[in-house]
Amino acid sequence: MESARRVIAILGAGGTLGTALSRKLAAEPETDLVLSDVSEDALAQVSAALEGAAWPSLTVRADVSDFAQVENVVKHAVDRFGRLDVLISNAGVLSPNGRIHNLAAEDWERAFRINVLGPVNGIRAAVPVMRAQHSGSIILTASVSGLTAWSHAAPYCVTKAGVVHLAKVAAVEYARDGIRVNCVCPGTFLSAMHTDLPAAAVDAIAAKHPLGLGSADDLVGAYSYLASDASRWTTGSAVVVDGGYAAP
């Protein structure tokens, strides 16, 4: 039975940004969520964070590098709610800290498999449903590192640049089908991966952001906008939310 409510699937719903996104969107009116992550523990944690939400969310474990698993997430959304209005591809991995000549092929392959093939699989899975509806919004998580250059992080930078261009190409390809494709380019925001960094290192990172380090909650407004009808004339855009990192 088709629902009149908006249905949003989030790939990479665990972790700091995924949890913040899930909280934000769960609080918006007339919204049903399908949450996916490669980690069962992360899914359990994000579900706990949404306890007390007006409507329970559906959780589906998936590895974004496997198309069949991503397709299964979309299938669960359609089977349960009758449609898919928004797909957010938020799963990603960092690359090892090292210069290009010191990085192994496996480091590059892992980055491409998750950071590029993941969003490709999300698009491939969502497009058939959205084309049939003649409507939909696909939102990819890129990074300001895809627009600038970070030393010792080539696989991450290169794959995130690929995400930016993937959004542009997909936007052009699917505009006539009523599907919008955009990406968000976050700067550095505080998360679990900063916990063990020395204070001096965190201060050095913050100094590169004119507004200082942000939090995941500073990013969710961009996704909310792109998921809403307010962005109905926005496609192929890279929305930069980086505390001014890319400004100088």
C-alpha atoms as a PDB file:
ATOM      1  CA  MET A   1       0.000   0.000   0.000  1.00  0.00           C
ATOM      2  CA  GLU A   2       1.463   3.327  -1.052  1.00  0.00           C
ATOM      3  CA  SER A   3       2.139   5.813   1.709  1.00  0.00           C
ATOM      4  CA  ALA A   4       1.470   9.532   1.440  1.00  0.00           C
ATOM      5  CA  ARG A   5       4.428  10.106   3.728  1.00  0.00           C
ATOM      6  CA  ARG A   6       7.954  10.891   2.598  1.00  0.00           C
ATOM      7  CA  VAL A   7      10.284   7.882   2.623  1.00  0.00           C
ATOM      8  CA  ILE A   8      14.028   8.406   3.142  1.00  0.00           C
ATOM      9  CA  ALA A   9      16.728   5.722   3.049  1.00  0.00           C
ATOM     10  CA  ILE A  10      20.115   6.499   4.598  1.00  0.00           C
ATOM     11  CA  LEU A  11      23.155   4.408   3.692  1.00  0.00           C
ATOM     12  CA  GLY A  12      25.851   4.801   6.324  1.00  0.00           C
ATOM     13  CA  ALA A  13      23.333   5.722   9.005  1.00  0.00           C
ATOM     14  CA  GLY A  14      25.692   4.752  11.829  1.00  0.00           C
ATOM     15  CA  GLY A  15      28.502   6.916  13.099  1.00  0.00           C
ATOM     16  CA  THR A  16      28.486  10.543  14.082  1.00  0.00           C
ATOM     17  CA  LEU A  17      27.059  12.163  10.946  1.00  0.00           C
ATOM     18  CA  GLY A  18      24.689   9.284  10.173  1.00  0.00           C
ATOM     19  CA  THR A  19      23.186   9.468  13.648  1.00  0.00           C
ATOM     20  CA  ALA A  20      22.793  13.240  13.470  1.00  0.00           C
ATOM     21  CA  LEU A  21      21.118  12.935  10.067  1.00  0.00           C
ATOM     22  CA  SER A  22      18.782  10.235  11.317  1.00  0.00           C
ATOM     23  CA  ARG A  23      17.778  12.326  14.334  1.00  0.00           C
ATOM     24  CA  LYS A  24      17.180  15.421  12.228  1.00  0.00           C
ATOM     25  CA  LEU A  25      15.098  13.708   9.551  1.00  0.00           C
ATOM     26  CA  ALA A  26      13.160  11.551  12.014  1.00  0.00           C
ATOM     27  CA  ALA A  27      12.007  14.763  13.692  1.00  0.00           C
ATOM     28  CA  GLU A  28      10.648  16.204  10.450  1.00  0.00           C
ATOM     29  CA  PRO A  29       6.947  15.802   9.711  1.00  0.00           C
ATOM     30  CA  GLU A  30       5.508  12.979   7.619  1.00  0.00           C
ATOM     31  CA  THR A  31       8.835  11.157   7.269  1.00  0.00           C
ATOM     32  CA  ASP A  32       9.569   7.434   7.373  1.00  0.00           C
ATOM     33  CA  LEU A  33      13.195   6.303   7.589  1.00  0.00           C
ATOM     34  CA  VAL A  34      15.023   3.226   6.379  1.00  0.00           C
ATOM     35  CA  LEU A  35      18.426   3.160   8.076  1.00  0.00           C
ATOM     36  CA  SER A  36      21.324   1.075   6.821  1.00  0.00           C
ATOM     37  CA  ASP A  37      24.905   0.517   7.874  1.00  0.00           C
ATOM     38  CA  VAL A  38      27.544  -2.188   7.520  1.00  0.00           C
ATOM     39  CA  SER A  39      27.709  -2.465  11.315  1.00  0.00           C
ATOM     40  CA  GLU A  40      24.872  -4.095  13.265  1.00  0.00           C
ATOM     41  CA  ASP A  41      26.141  -2.380  16.402  1.00  0.00           C
ATOM     42  CA  ALA A  42      25.997   1.032  14.721  1.00  0.00           C
ATOM     43  CA  LEU A  43      22.432   0.348  13.604  1.00  0.00           C
ATOM     44  CA  ALA A  44      21.461  -0.623  17.134  1.00  0.00           C
ATOM     45  CA  GLN A  45      23.006   2.584  18.475  1.00  0.00           C
ATOM     46  CA  VAL A  46      21.290   4.852  15.980  1.00  0.00           C
ATOM     47  CA  SER A  47      17.980   3.104  16.651  1.00  0.00           C
ATOM     48  CA  ALA A  48      18.490   3.737  20.357  1.00  0.00           C
ATOM     49  CA  ALA A  49      19.203   7.396  19.602  1.00  0.00           C
ATOM     50  CA  LEU A  50      15.827   7.610  17.849  1.00  0.00           C
ATOM     51  CA  GLU A  51      13.908   5.962  20.658  1.00  0.00           C
ATOM     52  CA  GLY A  52      10.787   7.958  21.293  1.00  0.00           C
ATOM     53  CA  ALA A  53      10.529   9.223  17.693  1.00  0.00           C
ATOM     54  CA  ALA A  54       6.985   9.607  16.411  1.00  0.00           C
ATOM     55  CA  TRP A  55       7.434   6.745  13.944  1.00  0.00           C
ATOM     56  CA  PRO A  56       9.766   3.744  14.296  1.00  0.00           C
ATOM     57  CA  SER A  57      12.452   3.412  11.632  1.00  0.00           C
ATOM     58  CA  LEU A  58      13.271   0.315   9.621  1.00  0.00           C
ATOM     59  CA  THR A  59      16.886  -0.924   9.798  1.00  0.00           C
ATOM     60  CA  VAL A  60      18.657  -3.027   7.170  1.00  0.00           C
ATOM     61  CA  ARG A  61      22.313  -4.048   7.337  1.00  0.00           C
ATOM     62  CA  ALA A  62      24.226  -3.482   4.070  1.00  0.00           C
ATOM     63  CA  ASP A  63      27.748  -3.164   2.720  1.00  0.00           C
ATOM     64  CA  VAL A  64      27.538  -0.339   0.175  1.00  0.00           C
ATOM     65  CA  SER A  65      30.251  -1.883  -1.997  1.00  0.00           C
ATOM     66  CA  ASP A  66      27.870  -4.780  -2.764  1.00  0.00           C
ATOM     67  CA  PHE A  67      25.118  -3.711  -5.168  1.00  0.00           C
ATOM     68  CA  ALA A  68      22.787  -6.556  -4.193  1.00  0.00           C
ATOM     69  CA  GLN A  69      22.875  -5.448  -0.558  1.00  0.00           C
ATOM     70  CA  VAL A  70      22.155  -1.820  -1.454  1.00  0.00           C
ATOM     71  CA  GLU A  71      19.354  -2.924  -3.759  1.00  0.00           C
ATOM     72  CA  ASN A  72      17.946  -4.886  -0.811  1.00  0.00           C
ATOM     73  CA  VAL A  73      17.779  -1.687   1.261  1.00  0.00           C
ATOM     74  CA  VAL A  74      15.709  -0.009  -1.462  1.00  0.00           C
ATOM     75  CA  LYS A  75      13.524  -3.118  -1.758  1.00  0.00           C
ATOM     76  CA  HIS A  76      12.804  -3.013   1.974  1.00  0.00           C
ATOM     77  CA  ALA A  77      11.799   0.650   1.669  1.00  0.00           C
ATOM     78  CA  VAL A  78       9.422  -0.026  -1.211  1.00  0.00           C
ATOM     79  CA  ASP A  79       7.994  -3.212   0.302  1.00  0.00           C
ATOM     80  CA  ARG A  80       7.317  -1.495   3.633  1.00  0.00           C
ATOM     81  CA  PHE A  81       6.329   2.012   2.561  1.00  0.00           C
ATOM     82  CA  GLY A  82       5.438   1.740  -1.134  1.00  0.00           C
ATOM     83  CA  ARG A  83       7.949   4.279  -2.428  1.00  0.00           C
ATOM     84  CA  LEU A  84      11.363   5.918  -2.036  1.00  0.00           C
ATOM     85  CA  ASP A  85      11.552   9.696  -2.100  1.00  0.00           C
ATOM     86  CA  VAL A  86      15.093  10.357  -0.890  1.00  0.00           C
ATOM     87  CA  LEU A  87      18.271   8.294  -0.848  1.00  0.00           C
ATOM     88  CA  ILE A  88      21.226   9.589   1.181  1.00  0.00           C
ATOM     89  CA  SER A  89      24.554   7.883   0.458  1.00  0.00           C
ATOM     90  CA  ASN A  90      26.633   8.664   3.531  1.00  0.00           C
ATOM     91  CA  ALA A  91      28.950   5.660   3.933  1.00  0.00           C
ATOM     92  CA  GLY A  92      32.656   6.371   3.567  1.00  0.00           C
ATOM     93  CA  VAL A  93      36.142   5.444   4.725  1.00  0.00           C
ATOM     94  CA  LEU A  94      39.283   7.417   5.420  1.00  0.00           C
ATOM     95  CA  SER A  95      42.555   6.506   3.757  1.00  0.00           C
ATOM     96  CA  PRO A  96      45.816   5.738   5.580  1.00  0.00           C
ATOM     97  CA  ASN A  97      48.042   8.700   6.390  1.00  0.00           C
ATOM     98  CA  GLY A  98      50.866   8.623   3.830  1.00  0.00           C
ATOM     99  CA  ARG A  99      52.277  10.131   0.673  1.00  0.00           C
ATOM    100  CA  ILE A 100      51.242   8.616  -2.642  1.00  0.00           C
ATOM    101  CA  HIS A 101      54.408   6.579  -3.174  1.00  0.00           C
ATOM    102  CA  ASN A 102      53.990   4.968   0.251  1.00  0.00           C
ATOM    103  CA  LEU A 103      50.374   3.858  -0.238  1.00  0.00           C
ATOM    104  CA  ALA A 104      49.546   0.352  -1.440  1.00  0.00           C
ATOM    105  CA  ALA A 105      47.119  -0.535  -4.215  1.00  0.00           C
ATOM    106  CA  GLU A 106      44.849  -2.013  -1.540  1.00  0.00           C
ATOM    107  CA  ASP A 107      44.548   1.415   0.101  1.00  0.00           C
ATOM    108  CA  TRP A 108      43.288   2.891  -3.172  1.00  0.00           C
ATOM    109  CA  GLU A 109      41.021  -0.039  -3.935  1.00  0.00           C
ATOM    110  CA  ARG A 110      39.296   0.125  -0.554  1.00  0.00           C
ATOM    111  CA  ALA A 111      38.719   3.867  -0.900  1.00  0.00           C
ATOM    112  CA  PHE A 112      37.231   3.480  -4.378  1.00  0.00           C
ATOM    113  CA  ARG A 113      35.139   0.476  -3.379  1.00  0.00           C
ATOM    114  CA  ILE A 114      33.421   2.325  -0.521  1.00  0.00           C
ATOM    115  CA  ASN A 115      33.667   6.024  -1.377  1.00  0.00           C
ATOM    116  CA  VAL A 116      32.884   5.826  -5.111  1.00  0.00           C
ATOM    117  CA  LEU A 117      31.260   2.461  -5.821  1.00  0.00           C
ATOM    118  CA  GLY A 118      29.083   2.917  -2.726  1.00  0.00           C
ATOM    119  CA  PRO A 119      27.298   6.006  -4.075  1.00  0.00           C
ATOM    120  CA  VAL A 120      27.228   4.482  -7.564  1.00  0.00           C
ATOM    121  CA  ASN A 121      25.401   1.480  -6.133  1.00  0.00           C
ATOM    122  CA  GLY A 122      23.025   3.793  -4.283  1.00  0.00           C
ATOM    123  CA  ILE A 123      22.168   5.599  -7.506  1.00  0.00           C
ATOM    124  CA  ARG A 124      21.770   2.328  -9.422  1.00  0.00           C
ATOM    125  CA  ALA A 125      19.423   0.953  -6.776  1.00  0.00           C
ATOM    126  CA  ALA A 126      17.304   4.084  -6.299  1.00  0.00           C
ATOM    127  CA  VAL A 127      16.912   5.242  -9.896  1.00  0.00           C
ATOM    128  CA  PRO A 128      14.493   2.529 -11.136  1.00  0.00           C
ATOM    129  CA  VAL A 129      12.081   3.284  -8.280  1.00  0.00           C
ATOM    130  CA  MET A 130      12.399   7.050  -8.638  1.00  0.00           C
ATOM    131  CA  ARG A 131      12.038   6.940 -12.431  1.00  0.00           C
ATOM    132  CA  ALA A 132       8.754   5.075 -12.041  1.00  0.00           C
ATOM    133  CA  GLN A 133       7.570   7.776  -9.619  1.00  0.00           C
ATOM    134  CA  HIS A 134       9.064  10.546 -11.800  1.00  0.00           C
ATOM    135  CA  SER A 135      10.395  12.097  -8.617  1.00  0.00           C
ATOM    136  CA  GLY A 136      13.199  11.705  -6.122  1.00  0.00           C
ATOM    137  CA  SER A 137      16.218  13.285  -4.479  1.00  0.00           C
ATOM    138  CA  ILE A 138      19.587  11.558  -4.190  1.00  0.00           C
ATOM    139  CA  ILE A 139      22.118  13.113  -1.819  1.00  0.00           C
ATOM    140  CA  LEU A 140      25.748  12.003  -1.726  1.00  0.00           C
ATOM    141  CA  THR A 141      28.243  12.785   1.021  1.00  0.00           C
ATOM    142  CA  ALA A 142      31.426  14.135  -0.551  1.00  0.00           C
ATOM    143  CA  SER A 143      33.964  16.303   1.312  1.00  0.00           C
ATOM    144  CA  VAL A 144      35.716  19.632   1.083  1.00  0.00           C
ATOM    145  CA  SER A 145      38.786  17.433   0.482  1.00  0.00           C
ATOM    146  CA  GLY A 146      37.273  16.676  -2.926  1.00  0.00           C
ATOM    147  CA  LEU A 147      37.514  20.380  -3.758  1.00  0.00           C
ATOM    148  CA  THR A 148      40.886  21.111  -2.139  1.00  0.00           C
ATOM    149  CA  ALA A 149      44.108  19.145  -1.610  1.00  0.00           C
ATOM    150  CA  TRP A 150      44.998  17.365   1.621  1.00  0.00           C
ATOM    151  CA  SER A 151      48.570  16.132   1.858  1.00  0.00           C
ATOM    152  CA  HIS A 152      49.017  12.494   2.899  1.00  0.00           C
ATOM    153  CA  ALA A 153      45.373  11.653   2.074  1.00  0.00           C
ATOM    154  CA  ALA A 154      45.341  11.118  -1.709  1.00  0.00           C
ATOM    155  CA  PRO A 155      42.875   8.192  -1.912  1.00  0.00           C
ATOM    156  CA  TYR A 156      40.360  10.044   0.230  1.00  0.00           C
ATOM    157  CA  CYS A 157      40.704  13.314  -1.701  1.00  0.00           C
ATOM    158  CA  VAL A 158      40.560  11.657  -5.109  1.00  0.00           C
ATOM    159  CA  THR A 159      37.537   9.518  -4.298  1.00  0.00           C
ATOM    160  CA  LYS A 160      35.649  12.437  -2.772  1.00  0.00           C
ATOM    161  CA  ALA A 161      36.393  14.509  -5.889  1.00  0.00           C
ATOM    162  CA  GLY A 162      34.893  11.607  -7.807  1.00  0.00           C
ATOM    163  CA  VAL A 163      31.734  11.829  -5.696  1.00  0.00           C
ATOM    164  CA  VAL A 164      31.371  15.526  -6.528  1.00  0.00           C
ATOM    165  CA  HIS A 165      31.565  14.793 -10.245  1.00  0.00           C
ATOM    166  CA  LEU A 166      29.363  11.711  -9.953  1.00  0.00           C
ATOM    167  CA  ALA A 167      26.617  13.939  -8.546  1.00  0.00           C
ATOM    168  CA  LYS A 168      26.965  16.314 -11.486  1.00  0.00           C
ATOM    169  CA  VAL A 169      26.871  13.577 -14.129  1.00  0.00           C
ATOM    170  CA  ALA A 170      23.932  11.808 -12.478  1.00  0.00           C
ATOM    171  CA  ALA A 171      22.078  15.123 -12.161  1.00  0.00           C
ATOM    172  CA  VAL A 172      22.358  15.670 -15.911  1.00  0.00           C
ATOM    173  CA  GLU A 173      21.447  12.081 -16.757  1.00  0.00           C
ATOM    174  CA  TYR A 174      18.308  11.880 -14.610  1.00  0.00           C
ATOM    175  CA  ALA A 175      16.883  15.414 -14.632  1.00  0.00           C
ATOM    176  CA  ARG A 176      14.308  14.477 -17.271  1.00  0.00           C
ATOM    177  CA  ASP A 177      13.191  11.630 -15.024  1.00  0.00           C
ATOM    178  CA  GLY A 178      12.348  14.071 -12.243  1.00  0.00           C
ATOM    179  CA  ILE A 179      15.324  12.955 -10.136  1.00  0.00           C
ATOM    180  CA  ARG A 180      17.639  15.484  -8.488  1.00  0.00           C
ATOM    181  CA  VAL A 181      21.184  14.507  -7.494  1.00  0.00           C
ATOM    182  CA  ASN A 182      23.360  16.677  -5.258  1.00  0.00           C
ATOM    183  CA  CYS A 183      26.197  16.257  -2.795  1.00  0.00           C
ATOM    184  CA  VAL A 184      27.249  17.822   0.490  1.00  0.00           C
ATOM    185  CA  CYS A 185      30.922  18.674   1.051  1.00  0.00           C
ATOM    186  CA  PRO A 186      31.602  18.808   4.799  1.00  0.00           C
ATOM    187  CA  GLY A 187      34.674  20.294   6.366  1.00  0.00           C
ATOM    188  CA  THR A 188      36.141  18.676   9.466  1.00  0.00           C
ATOM    189  CA  PHE A 189      33.616  18.049  12.199  1.00  0.00           C
ATOM    190  CA  LEU A 190      34.246  16.486  15.566  1.00  0.00           C
ATOM    191  CA  SER A 191      33.654  12.733  15.697  1.00  0.00           C
ATOM    192  CA  ALA A 192      34.942   9.594  17.379  1.00  0.00           C
ATOM    193  CA  MET A 193      38.026   9.532  15.166  1.00  0.00           C
ATOM    194  CA  HIS A 194      39.293  12.712  16.853  1.00  0.00           C
ATOM    195  CA  THR A 195      39.090  11.233  20.364  1.00  0.00           C
ATOM    196  CA  ASP A 196      42.675   9.997  20.478  1.00  0.00           C
ATOM    197  CA  LEU A 197      44.255  12.959  18.718  1.00  0.00           C
ATOM    198  CA  PRO A 198      46.502  15.229  20.808  1.00  0.00           C
ATOM    199  CA  ALA A 199      44.959  18.585  21.636  1.00  0.00           C
ATOM    200  CA  ALA A 200      47.642  20.315  19.522  1.00  0.00           C
ATOM    201  CA  ALA A 201      46.602  18.303  16.465  1.00  0.00           C
ATOM    202  CA  VAL A 202      42.935  19.167  16.940  1.00  0.00           C
ATOM    203  CA  ASP A 203      43.882  22.833  17.362  1.00  0.00           C
ATOM    204  CA  ALA A 204      45.899  22.723  14.125  1.00  0.00           C
ATOM    205  CA  ILE A 205      42.922  21.317  12.232  1.00  0.00           C
ATOM    206  CA  ALA A 206      40.582  23.882  13.773  1.00  0.00           C
ATOM    207  CA  ALA A 207      42.921  26.703  12.759  1.00  0.00           C
ATOM    208  CA  LYS A 208      42.331  25.839   9.093  1.00  0.00           C
ATOM    209  CA  HIS A 209      38.605  26.493   9.515  1.00  0.00           C
ATOM    210  CA  PRO A 210      37.863  30.223   9.951  1.00  0.00           C
ATOM    211  CA  LEU A 211      34.743  29.371  11.959  1.00  0.00           C
ATOM    212  CA  GLY A 212      36.545  26.645  13.895  1.00  0.00           C
ATOM    213  CA  LEU A 213      35.675  22.965  13.974  1.00  0.00           C
ATOM    214  CA  GLY A 214      32.061  22.111  13.499  1.00  0.00           C
ATOM    215  CA  SER A 215      29.862  19.274  14.663  1.00  0.00           C
ATOM    216  CA  ALA A 216      27.665  16.863  12.768  1.00  0.00           C
ATOM    217  CA  ASP A 217      24.661  18.951  13.822  1.00  0.00           C
ATOM    218  CA  ASP A 218      26.118  21.854  11.832  1.00  0.00           C
ATOM    219  CA  LEU A 219      25.846  19.764   8.649  1.00  0.00           C
ATOM    220  CA  VAL A 220      22.373  18.288   8.803  1.00  0.00           C
ATOM    221  CA  GLY A 221      20.582  21.420   7.601  1.00  0.00           C
ATOM    222  CA  ALA A 222      22.134  21.031   4.148  1.00  0.00           C
ATOM    223  CA  TYR A 223      20.817  17.481   3.848  1.00  0.00           C
ATOM    224  CA  SER A 224      17.412  18.550   5.140  1.00  0.00           C
ATOM    225  CA  TYR A 225      17.255  21.239   2.448  1.00  0.00           C
ATOM    226  CA  LEU A 226      18.282  18.879  -0.352  1.00  0.00           C
ATOM    227  CA  ALA A 227      15.772  16.279   0.848  1.00  0.00           C
ATOM    228  CA  SER A 228      12.934  18.795   0.834  1.00  0.00           C
ATOM    229  CA  ASP A 229      10.770  20.382  -1.819  1.00  0.00           C
ATOM    230  CA  ALA A 230      12.508  23.683  -1.068  1.00  0.00           C
ATOM    231  CA  SER A 231      15.399  22.418  -3.234  1.00  0.00           C
ATOM    232  CA  ARG A 232      13.176  21.400  -6.155  1.00  0.00           C
ATOM    233  CA  TRP A 233      15.256  23.558  -8.567  1.00  0.00           C
ATOM    234  CA  THR A 234      18.619  22.429  -7.196  1.00  0.00           C
ATOM    235  CA  THR A 235      20.512  19.632  -8.892  1.00  0.00           C
ATOM    236  CA  GLY A 236      24.140  18.891  -9.715  1.00  0.00           C
ATOM    237  CA  SER A 237      25.265  21.062  -6.806  1.00  0.00           C
ATOM    238  CA  ALA A 238      28.089  20.546  -4.333  1.00  0.00           C
ATOM    239  CA  VAL A 239      26.851  22.218  -1.154  1.00  0.00           C
ATOM    240  CA  VAL A 240      29.914  23.195   0.873  1.00  0.00           C
ATOM    241  CA  VAL A 241      29.477  23.271   4.667  1.00  0.00           C
ATOM    242  CA  ASP A 242      33.033  23.639   5.901  1.00  0.00           C
ATOM    243  CA  GLY A 243      33.355  26.475   8.418  1.00  0.00           C
ATOM    244  CA  GLY A 244      35.139  28.483   5.718  1.00  0.00           C
ATOM    245  CA  TYR A 245      37.924  25.934   5.074  1.00  0.00           C
ATOM    246  CA  ALA A 246      37.787  26.348   1.291  1.00  0.00           C
ATOM    247  CA  ALA A 247      37.377  30.130   1.380  1.00  0.00           C
ATOM    248  CA  PRO A 248      41.040  31.322   1.537  1.00  0.00           C
END
